[in-house]
Every structure is written in structure tokens, then in C-alpha cells.
Amino acid sequence: MNVVSVSKLKDALSEYLNRAAYGGERIVVASRGKPKAAVISVADLELLEELEDAQAAREALAAHRAGETVPYEEYRAELVAEGLLSE
């Protein structure tokens, strides 16, 4: 993993974006010597999102098995009350 300062990133943004996008490089952006963000490829982002979804599904299944669920009718009523779902 390559670490680059914010100022160096600004000076060569296109180069670092291409290295991440086409070279699969993961670049950590540091500010005042401390890691602040990362530049990764879209493929890496999609993989990260898939992993997050899988983890959420495992947690939901564990909660269900432990009886920590809410009946659908109660959840639906909450969504309607919040205006996120129409009746």
C-alpha cells in the first residue's frame, strides 16, 4: 500500500487515480502524517460493499436466531409513521 500526502496527491491526481483504477493499487492519503482517506479502484469499492452486505446479512441472521427480531407488522407501522412507506 502506498502512502501519499494530500499535497503530493493534488500535484499528481490523475496519476494516482490511474494507478488505483488500472493498477489495482490502494493509496492511502495522509494529512500531516496521519492517514485520512484512501484512493481505491471501483472494483475494490464494489467488493467492499459486497462484504458489508454479507456481514449485515450474517448479523441479521444471528439476531433472528437469537429471537431479536421485530414482527413485520410493527416494522411496517414504524415505516409508515416515519413517512418512508405509504399505507
PDB file of N, CA and C in Angstrom:
ATOM      1  N   MET A   1       0.850  -1.175   0.000  1.00  0.00           N
ATOM      2  CA  MET A   1       0.000   0.000   0.000  1.00  0.00           C
ATOM      3  C   MET A   1       0.895   1.237   0.000  1.00  0.00           C
ATOM      4  N   ASN A   2       0.585   2.154  -0.851  1.00  0.00           N
ATOM      5  CA  ASN A   2       1.353   3.381  -0.993  1.00  0.00           C
ATOM      6  C   ASN A   2       0.707   4.488  -0.162  1.00  0.00           C
ATOM      7  N   VAL A   3       1.511   5.258   0.549  1.00  0.00           N
ATOM      8  CA  VAL A   3       1.013   6.403   1.322  1.00  0.00           C
ATOM      9  C   VAL A   3       1.505   7.666   0.631  1.00  0.00           C
ATOM     10  N   VAL A   4       0.586   8.601   0.424  1.00  0.00           N
ATOM     11  CA  VAL A   4       0.918   9.844  -0.256  1.00  0.00           C
ATOM     12  C   VAL A   4       0.299  11.007   0.529  1.00  0.00           C
ATOM     13  N   SER A   5       0.989  12.130   0.543  1.00  0.00           N
ATOM     14  CA  SER A   5       0.453  13.314   1.222  1.00  0.00           C
ATOM     15  C   SER A   5      -0.625  13.971   0.363  1.00  0.00           C
ATOM     16  N   VAL A   6      -1.455  14.758   1.019  1.00  0.00           N
ATOM     17  CA  VAL A   6      -2.516  15.467   0.294  1.00  0.00           C
ATOM     18  C   VAL A   6      -1.907  16.356  -0.785  1.00  0.00           C
ATOM     19  N   SER A   7      -0.844  17.077  -0.463  1.00  0.00           N
ATOM     20  CA  SER A   7      -0.250  17.985  -1.450  1.00  0.00           C
ATOM     21  C   SER A   7       0.331  17.223  -2.631  1.00  0.00           C
ATOM     22  N   LYS A   8       0.978  16.079  -2.381  1.00  0.00           N
ATOM     23  CA  LYS A   8       1.515  15.272  -3.470  1.00  0.00           C
ATOM     24  C   LYS A   8       0.380  14.706  -4.329  1.00  0.00           C
ATOM     25  N   LEU A   9      -0.713  14.309  -3.671  1.00  0.00           N
ATOM     26  CA  LEU A   9      -1.870  13.811  -4.407  1.00  0.00           C
ATOM     27  C   LEU A   9      -2.441  14.894  -5.320  1.00  0.00           C
ATOM     28  N   LYS A  10      -2.539  16.108  -4.806  1.00  0.00           N
ATOM     29  CA  LYS A  10      -3.068  17.216  -5.607  1.00  0.00           C
ATOM     30  C   LYS A  10      -2.209  17.449  -6.851  1.00  0.00           C
ATOM     31  N   ASP A  11      -0.905  17.340  -6.680  1.00  0.00           N
ATOM     32  CA  ASP A  11       0.014  17.608  -7.794  1.00  0.00           C
ATOM     33  C   ASP A  11      -0.045  16.536  -8.879  1.00  0.00           C
ATOM     34  N   ALA A  12      -0.448  15.324  -8.498  1.00  0.00           N
ATOM     35  CA  ALA A  12      -0.431  14.221  -9.471  1.00  0.00           C
ATOM     36  C   ALA A  12      -1.705  13.391  -9.365  1.00  0.00           C
ATOM     37  N   LEU A  13      -2.838  14.054  -9.218  1.00  0.00           N
ATOM     38  CA  LEU A  13      -4.106  13.361  -9.007  1.00  0.00           C
ATOM     39  C   LEU A  13      -4.390  12.344 -10.104  1.00  0.00           C
ATOM     40  N   SER A  14      -4.247  12.733 -11.349  1.00  0.00           N
ATOM     41  CA  SER A  14      -4.539  11.836 -12.464  1.00  0.00           C
ATOM     42  C   SER A  14      -3.690  10.565 -12.391  1.00  0.00           C
ATOM     43  N   GLU A  15      -2.426  10.725 -12.078  1.00  0.00           N
ATOM     44  CA  GLU A  15      -1.523   9.573 -11.967  1.00  0.00           C
ATOM     45  C   GLU A  15      -1.999   8.608 -10.882  1.00  0.00           C
ATOM     46  N   TYR A  16      -2.348   9.127  -9.708  1.00  0.00           N
ATOM     47  CA  TYR A  16      -2.782   8.267  -8.602  1.00  0.00           C
ATOM     48  C   TYR A  16      -4.134   7.610  -8.893  1.00  0.00           C
ATOM     49  N   LEU A  17      -5.019   8.349  -9.536  1.00  0.00           N
ATOM     50  CA  LEU A  17      -6.307   7.754  -9.913  1.00  0.00           C
ATOM     51  C   LEU A  17      -6.109   6.603 -10.893  1.00  0.00           C
ATOM     52  N   ASN A  18      -5.244   6.783 -11.861  1.00  0.00           N
ATOM     53  CA  ASN A  18      -4.971   5.723 -12.826  1.00  0.00           C
ATOM     54  C   ASN A  18      -4.294   4.524 -12.167  1.00  0.00           C
ATOM     55  N   ARG A  19      -3.395   4.780 -11.223  1.00  0.00           N
ATOM     56  CA  ARG A  19      -2.735   3.679 -10.521  1.00  0.00           C
ATOM     57  C   ARG A  19      -3.749   2.855  -9.738  1.00  0.00           C
ATOM     58  N   ALA A  20      -4.723   3.520  -9.156  1.00  0.00           N
ATOM     59  CA  ALA A  20      -5.768   2.797  -8.418  1.00  0.00           C
ATOM     60  C   ALA A  20      -6.718   2.099  -9.385  1.00  0.00           C
ATOM     61  N   ALA A  21      -7.169   2.824 -10.392  1.00  0.00           N
ATOM     62  CA  ALA A  21      -8.176   2.288 -11.313  1.00  0.00           C
ATOM     63  C   ALA A  21      -7.644   1.153 -12.182  1.00  0.00           C
ATOM     64  N   TYR A  22      -6.465   1.326 -12.732  1.00  0.00           N
ATOM     65  CA  TYR A  22      -5.957   0.356 -13.701  1.00  0.00           C
ATOM     66  C   TYR A  22      -4.891  -0.571 -13.125  1.00  0.00           C
ATOM     67  N   GLY A  23      -4.207  -0.125 -12.084  1.00  0.00           N
ATOM     68  CA  GLY A  23      -3.158  -0.944 -11.492  1.00  0.00           C
ATOM     69  C   GLY A  23      -3.604  -1.675 -10.245  1.00  0.00           C
ATOM     70  N   GLY A  24      -4.820  -1.365  -9.782  1.00  0.00           N
ATOM     71  CA  GLY A  24      -5.327  -2.018  -8.580  1.00  0.00           C
ATOM     72  C   GLY A  24      -4.608  -1.597  -7.312  1.00  0.00           C
ATOM     73  N   GLU A  25      -3.858  -0.513  -7.392  1.00  0.00           N
ATOM     74  CA  GLU A  25      -3.107  -0.044  -6.229  1.00  0.00           C
ATOM     75  C   GLU A  25      -4.049   0.635  -5.227  1.00  0.00           C
ATOM     76  N   ARG A  26      -3.806   0.420  -3.971  1.00  0.00           N
ATOM     77  CA  ARG A  26      -4.561   1.077  -2.905  1.00  0.00           C
ATOM     78  C   ARG A  26      -3.667   2.154  -2.318  1.00  0.00           C
ATOM     79  N   ILE A  27      -4.133   3.381  -2.382  1.00  0.00           N
ATOM     80  CA  ILE A  27      -3.306   4.514  -2.000  1.00  0.00           C
ATOM     81  C   ILE A  27      -3.921   5.201  -0.779  1.00  0.00           C
ATOM     82  N   VAL A  28      -3.141   5.277   0.275  1.00  0.00           N
ATOM     83  CA  VAL A  28      -3.590   5.953   1.493  1.00  0.00           C
ATOM     84  C   VAL A  28      -3.168   7.410   1.400  1.00  0.00           C
ATOM     85  N   VAL A  29      -4.108   8.308   1.650  1.00  0.00           N
ATOM     86  CA  VAL A  29      -3.831   9.735   1.613  1.00  0.00           C
ATOM     87  C   VAL A  29      -3.644  10.202   3.052  1.00  0.00           C
ATOM     88  N   ALA A  30      -2.486  10.811   3.307  1.00  0.00           N
ATOM     89  CA  ALA A  30      -2.164  11.258   4.665  1.00  0.00           C
ATOM     90  C   ALA A  30      -2.175  12.780   4.739  1.00  0.00           C
ATOM     91  N   SER A  31      -2.629  13.271   5.857  1.00  0.00           N
ATOM     92  CA  SER A  31      -2.623  14.699   6.133  1.00  0.00           C
ATOM     93  C   SER A  31      -1.849  14.904   7.429  1.00  0.00           C
ATOM     94  N   ARG A  32      -0.787  15.687   7.333  1.00  0.00           N
ATOM     95  CA  ARG A  32       0.086  15.915   8.494  1.00  0.00           C
ATOM     96  C   ARG A  32       0.605  14.602   9.078  1.00  0.00           C
ATOM     97  N   GLY A  33       0.895  13.680   8.168  1.00  0.00           N
ATOM     98  CA  GLY A  33       1.480  12.415   8.561  1.00  0.00           C
ATOM     99  C   GLY A  33       0.504  11.367   9.057  1.00  0.00           C
ATOM    100  N   LYS A  34      -0.775  11.705   9.118  1.00  0.00           N
ATOM    101  CA  LYS A  34      -1.775  10.755   9.605  1.00  0.00           C
ATOM    102  C   LYS A  34      -2.689  10.316   8.466  1.00  0.00           C
ATOM    103  N   PRO A  35      -2.942   9.000   8.359  1.00  0.00           N
ATOM    104  CA  PRO A  35      -3.842   8.512   7.321  1.00  0.00           C
ATOM    105  C   PRO A  35      -5.224   9.150   7.451  1.00  0.00           C
ATOM    106  N   LYS A  36      -5.739   9.622   6.327  1.00  0.00           N
ATOM    107  CA  LYS A  36      -7.016  10.328   6.355  1.00  0.00           C
ATOM    108  C   LYS A  36      -8.059   9.714   5.436  1.00  0.00           C
ATOM    109  N   ALA A  37      -7.641   9.170   4.312  1.00  0.00           N
ATOM    110  CA  ALA A  37      -8.565   8.602   3.329  1.00  0.00           C
ATOM    111  C   ALA A  37      -7.783   7.638   2.452  1.00  0.00           C
ATOM    112  N   ALA A  38      -8.504   7.030   1.507  1.00  0.00           N
ATOM    113  CA  ALA A  38      -7.837   6.117   0.586  1.00  0.00           C
ATOM    114  C   ALA A  38      -8.410   6.278  -0.808  1.00  0.00           C
ATOM    115  N   VAL A  39      -7.570   6.029  -1.791  1.00  0.00           N
ATOM    116  CA  VAL A  39      -7.996   6.006  -3.186  1.00  0.00           C
ATOM    117  C   VAL A  39      -7.911   4.541  -3.602  1.00  0.00           C
ATOM    118  N   ILE A  40      -9.057   3.997  -4.014  1.00  0.00           N
ATOM    119  CA  ILE A  40      -9.126   2.595  -4.433  1.00  0.00           C
ATOM    120  C   ILE A  40      -9.886   2.502  -5.750  1.00  0.00           C
ATOM    121  N   SER A  41      -9.771   1.378  -6.391  1.00  0.00           N
ATOM    122  CA  SER A  41     -10.489   1.178  -7.652  1.00  0.00           C
ATOM    123  C   SER A  41     -11.977   0.962  -7.372  1.00  0.00           C
ATOM    124  N   VAL A  42     -12.779   1.147  -8.400  1.00  0.00           N
ATOM    125  CA  VAL A  42     -14.213   0.886  -8.288  1.00  0.00           C
ATOM    126  C   VAL A  42     -14.446  -0.591  -7.993  1.00  0.00           C
ATOM    127  N   ALA A  43     -13.620  -1.459  -8.539  1.00  0.00           N
ATOM    128  CA  ALA A  43     -13.749  -2.900  -8.273  1.00  0.00           C
ATOM    129  C   ALA A  43     -13.545  -3.178  -6.778  1.00  0.00           C
ATOM    130  N   ASP A  44     -12.555  -2.532  -6.173  1.00  0.00           N
ATOM    131  CA  ASP A  44     -12.334  -2.696  -4.733  1.00  0.00           C
ATOM    132  C   ASP A  44     -13.514  -2.149  -3.928  1.00  0.00           C
ATOM    133  N   LEU A  45     -14.058  -1.025  -4.359  1.00  0.00           N
ATOM    134  CA  LEU A  45     -15.217  -0.449  -3.676  1.00  0.00           C
ATOM    135  C   LEU A  45     -16.402  -1.399  -3.756  1.00  0.00           C
ATOM    136  N   GLU A  46     -16.653  -1.959  -4.929  1.00  0.00           N
ATOM    137  CA  GLU A  46     -17.770  -2.898  -5.085  1.00  0.00           C
ATOM    138  C   GLU A  46     -17.572  -4.130  -4.201  1.00  0.00           C
ATOM    139  N   LEU A  47     -16.341  -4.627  -4.126  1.00  0.00           N
ATOM    140  CA  LEU A  47     -16.048  -5.769  -3.261  1.00  0.00           C
ATOM    141  C   LEU A  47     -16.290  -5.413  -1.797  1.00  0.00           C
ATOM    142  N   LEU A  48     -15.848  -4.242  -1.387  1.00  0.00           N
ATOM    143  CA  LEU A  48     -16.073  -3.790  -0.014  1.00  0.00           C
ATOM    144  C   LEU A  48     -17.563  -3.713   0.298  1.00  0.00           C
ATOM    145  N   GLU A  49     -18.344  -3.179  -0.627  1.00  0.00           N
ATOM    146  CA  GLU A  49     -19.790  -3.081  -0.408  1.00  0.00           C
ATOM    147  C   GLU A  49     -20.434  -4.462  -0.332  1.00  0.00           C
ATOM    148  N   GLU A  50     -19.970  -5.404  -1.155  1.00  0.00           N
ATOM    149  CA  GLU A  50     -20.488  -6.775  -1.085  1.00  0.00           C
ATOM    150  C   GLU A  50     -20.156  -7.405   0.265  1.00  0.00           C
ATOM    151  N   LEU A  51     -18.943  -7.178   0.746  1.00  0.00           N
ATOM    152  CA  LEU A  51     -18.547  -7.713   2.050  1.00  0.00           C
ATOM    153  C   LEU A  51     -19.384  -7.108   3.174  1.00  0.00           C
ATOM    154  N   GLU A  52     -19.662  -5.812   3.077  1.00  0.00           N
ATOM    155  CA  GLU A  52     -20.509  -5.160   4.084  1.00  0.00           C
ATOM    156  C   GLU A  52     -21.920  -5.740   4.061  1.00  0.00           C
ATOM    157  N   ASP A  53     -22.459  -5.968   2.872  1.00  0.00           N
ATOM    158  CA  ASP A  53     -23.794  -6.564   2.756  1.00  0.00           C
ATOM    159  C   ASP A  53     -23.816  -7.970   3.341  1.00  0.00           C
ATOM    160  N   ALA A  54     -22.779  -8.742   3.061  1.00  0.00           N
ATOM    161  CA  ALA A  54     -22.704 -10.111   3.593  1.00  0.00           C
ATOM    162  C   ALA A  54     -22.617 -10.087   5.117  1.00  0.00           C
ATOM    163  N   GLN A  55     -21.839  -9.166   5.660  1.00  0.00           N
ATOM    164  CA  GLN A  55     -21.727  -9.059   7.120  1.00  0.00           C
ATOM    165  C   GLN A  55     -23.068  -8.659   7.731  1.00  0.00           C
ATOM    166  N   ALA A  56     -23.765  -7.723   7.108  1.00  0.00           N
ATOM    167  CA  ALA A  56     -25.079  -7.307   7.612  1.00  0.00           C
ATOM    168  C   ALA A  56     -26.056  -8.479   7.576  1.00  0.00           C
ATOM    169  N   ALA A  57     -25.987  -9.297   6.534  1.00  0.00           N
ATOM    170  CA  ALA A  57     -26.866 -10.464   6.439  1.00  0.00           C
ATOM    171  C   ALA A  57     -26.547 -11.475   7.542  1.00  0.00           C
ATOM    172  N   ARG A  58     -25.258 -11.694   7.807  1.00  0.00           N
ATOM    173  CA  ARG A  58     -24.874 -12.614   8.895  1.00  0.00           C
ATOM    174  C   ARG A  58     -25.381 -12.104  10.238  1.00  0.00           C
ATOM    175  N   GLU A  59     -25.248 -10.798  10.466  1.00  0.00           N
ATOM    176  CA  GLU A  59     -25.713 -10.207  11.722  1.00  0.00           C
ATOM    177  C   GLU A  59     -27.227 -10.309  11.851  1.00  0.00           C
ATOM    178  N   ALA A  60     -27.941 -10.078  10.756  1.00  0.00           N
ATOM    179  CA  ALA A  60     -29.402 -10.186  10.777  1.00  0.00           C
ATOM    180  C   ALA A  60     -29.834 -11.618  11.054  1.00  0.00           C
ATOM    181  N   LEU A  61     -29.158 -12.589  10.452  1.00  0.00           N
ATOM    182  CA  LEU A  61     -29.481 -13.991  10.691  1.00  0.00           C
ATOM    183  C   LEU A  61     -29.211 -14.367  12.143  1.00  0.00           C
ATOM    184  N   ALA A  62     -28.104 -13.898  12.687  1.00  0.00           N
ATOM    185  CA  ALA A  62     -27.784 -14.171  14.091  1.00  0.00           C
ATOM    186  C   ALA A  62     -28.827 -13.549  15.018  1.00  0.00           C
ATOM    187  N   ALA A  63     -29.262 -12.337  14.701  1.00  0.00           N
ATOM    188  CA  ALA A  63     -30.293 -11.674  15.510  1.00  0.00           C
ATOM    189  C   ALA A  63     -31.599 -12.448  15.434  1.00  0.00           C
ATOM    190  N   HIS A  64     -31.938 -12.911  14.241  1.00  0.00           N
ATOM    191  CA  HIS A  64     -33.163 -13.699  14.068  1.00  0.00           C
ATOM    192  C   HIS A  64     -33.095 -14.979  14.892  1.00  0.00           C
ATOM    193  N   ARG A  65     -31.981 -15.670  14.805  1.00  0.00           N
ATOM    194  CA  ARG A  65     -31.818 -16.921  15.553  1.00  0.00           C
ATOM    195  C   ARG A  65     -31.857 -16.699  17.060  1.00  0.00           C
ATOM    196  N   ALA A  66     -31.424 -15.510  17.499  1.00  0.00           N
ATOM    197  CA  ALA A  66     -31.426 -15.185  18.925  1.00  0.00           C
ATOM    198  C   ALA A  66     -32.773 -14.620  19.377  1.00  0.00           C
ATOM    199  N   GLY A  67     -33.718 -14.521  18.449  1.00  0.00           N
ATOM    200  CA  GLY A  67     -35.039 -14.001  18.789  1.00  0.00           C
ATOM    201  C   GLY A  67     -35.084 -12.495  18.932  1.00  0.00           C
ATOM    202  N   GLU A  68     -34.106 -11.820  18.366  1.00  0.00           N
ATOM    203  CA  GLU A  68     -34.019 -10.358  18.481  1.00  0.00           C
ATOM    204  C   GLU A  68     -34.637  -9.677  17.260  1.00  0.00           C
ATOM    205  N   THR A  69     -35.786 -10.145  16.855  1.00  0.00           N
ATOM    206  CA  THR A  69     -36.425  -9.586  15.675  1.00  0.00           C
ATOM    207  C   THR A  69     -37.693  -8.840  16.051  1.00  0.00           C
ATOM    208  N   VAL A  70     -38.164  -8.041  15.114  1.00  0.00           N
ATOM    209  CA  VAL A  70     -39.395  -7.272  15.296  1.00  0.00           C
ATOM    210  C   VAL A  70     -40.411  -7.831  14.311  1.00  0.00           C
ATOM    211  N   PRO A  71     -41.639  -8.053  14.743  1.00  0.00           N
ATOM    212  CA  PRO A  71     -42.655  -8.545  13.801  1.00  0.00           C
ATOM    213  C   PRO A  71     -42.822  -7.576  12.629  1.00  0.00           C
ATOM    214  N   TYR A  72     -43.084  -8.134  11.452  1.00  0.00           N
ATOM    215  CA  TYR A  72     -43.214  -7.332  10.237  1.00  0.00           C
ATOM    216  C   TYR A  72     -44.238  -6.216  10.400  1.00  0.00           C
ATOM    217  N   GLU A  73     -45.370  -6.518  10.986  1.00  0.00           N
ATOM    218  CA  GLU A  73     -46.435  -5.520  11.136  1.00  0.00           C
ATOM    219  C   GLU A  73     -45.947  -4.321  11.946  1.00  0.00           C
ATOM    220  N   GLU A  74     -45.167  -4.576  12.984  1.00  0.00           N
ATOM    221  CA  GLU A  74     -44.628  -3.486  13.810  1.00  0.00           C
ATOM    222  C   GLU A  74     -43.622  -2.653  13.013  1.00  0.00           C
ATOM    223  N   TYR A  75     -42.758  -3.319  12.278  1.00  0.00           N
ATOM    224  CA  TYR A  75     -41.760  -2.631  11.465  1.00  0.00           C
ATOM    225  C   TYR A  75     -42.434  -1.807  10.370  1.00  0.00           C
ATOM    226  N   ARG A  76     -43.437  -2.387   9.720  1.00  0.00           N
ATOM    227  CA  ARG A  76     -44.162  -1.686   8.669  1.00  0.00           C
ATOM    228  C   ARG A  76     -44.846  -0.446   9.229  1.00  0.00           C
ATOM    229  N   ALA A  77     -45.476  -0.564  10.378  1.00  0.00           N
ATOM    230  CA  ALA A  77     -46.151   0.574  11.010  1.00  0.00           C
ATOM    231  C   ALA A  77     -45.149   1.688  11.316  1.00  0.00           C
ATOM    232  N   GLU A  78     -43.953   1.307  11.721  1.00  0.00           N
ATOM    233  CA  GLU A  78     -42.908   2.294  12.002  1.00  0.00           C
ATOM    234  C   GLU A  78     -42.485   3.023  10.728  1.00  0.00           C
ATOM    235  N   LEU A  79     -42.354   2.297   9.637  1.00  0.00           N
ATOM    236  CA  LEU A  79     -42.004   2.915   8.360  1.00  0.00           C
ATOM    237  C   LEU A  79     -43.097   3.865   7.886  1.00  0.00           C
ATOM    238  N   VAL A  80     -44.352   3.467   8.054  1.00  0.00           N
ATOM    239  CA  VAL A  80     -45.471   4.327   7.666  1.00  0.00           C
ATOM    240  C   VAL A  80     -45.457   5.590   8.520  1.00  0.00           C
ATOM    241  N   ALA A  81     -45.259   5.440   9.830  1.00  0.00           N
ATOM    242  CA  ALA A  81     -45.239   6.588  10.746  1.00  0.00           C
ATOM    243  C   ALA A  81     -44.127   7.572  10.388  1.00  0.00           C
ATOM    244  N   GLU A  82     -43.019   7.053   9.885  1.00  0.00           N
ATOM    245  CA  GLU A  82     -41.883   7.914   9.521  1.00  0.00           C
ATOM    246  C   GLU A  82     -42.023   8.461   8.098  1.00  0.00           C
ATOM    247  N   GLY A  83     -43.094   8.088   7.415  1.00  0.00           N
ATOM    248  CA  GLY A  83     -43.310   8.577   6.055  1.00  0.00           C
ATOM    249  C   GLY A  83     -42.454   7.904   5.012  1.00  0.00           C
ATOM    250  N   LEU A  84     -41.842   6.769   5.358  1.00  0.00           N
ATOM    251  CA  LEU A  84     -40.988   6.050   4.425  1.00  0.00           C
ATOM    252  C   LEU A  84     -41.737   5.026   3.603  1.00  0.00           C
ATOM    253  N   LEU A  85     -42.992   4.802   3.971  1.00  0.00           N
ATOM    254  CA  LEU A  85     -43.815   3.812   3.286  1.00  0.00           C
ATOM    255  C   LEU A  85     -45.251   4.291   3.353  1.00  0.00           C
ATOM    256  N   SER A  86     -45.982   4.154   2.258  1.00  0.00           N
ATOM    257  CA  SER A  86     -47.386   4.556   2.277  1.00  0.00           C
ATOM    258  C   SER A  86     -48.245   3.360   2.659  1.00  0.00           C
ATOM    259  N   GLU A  87     -49.418   3.663   3.173  1.00  0.00           N
ATOM    260  CA  GLU A  87     -50.313   2.577   3.613  1.00  0.00           C
ATOM    261  C   GLU A  87     -50.991   1.899   2.506  1.00  0.00           C
TER     262      GLU A  87
END
